[in-house]
Amino acid sequence: VQLVESGGGLVQPGGSLRLSCVVSGFTLDYYTIGWFRQAPGTEREGVSCISSSADSTMYADSVMGRFTTSTDKAKNTVFLQMNSLKPEDTARYYCAAADPSKCAGPNIRRDDYYNWGQGTQVTVSS
């Protein structure tokens, strides 16, 4: 089981990035996929999740209305589209898998997730 993130980089405030999480060794039909981020000196926080059926998503309040997560099951890939980026979005972003029922609120709990990727760095700066 492997998850590999990509798509990070340096972007100016107000810009956009799309992160990808390619999974192998399992099918997205049976797992929730979550996105997390961690800045230096802070705890890893949940950003978003998408259910195994892709009909349920959740977002942290800090990214609501700016970030969107989606799935391309044919490519075994989950995306995180990030718009209107702010300097406080700077962090290393990770994807991880969880049981199908884990994108149902009230929070995106780190302890529910396993099989973490290595992360991709996002830096928002002018």
Foldseek 3Di string as FASTA:
>chain_A
DAWAKDWADEAAQQAKIKMKIADPPDALLWWKKWKWWDDPPDDIFTAKIAASVRPFMDGDPVQPPFWDWGDDRVRNMIMIIGGRDDQVVWTWMKMFIAGRVQRPDDGNDPVRTDNIHPTDTHGYHD
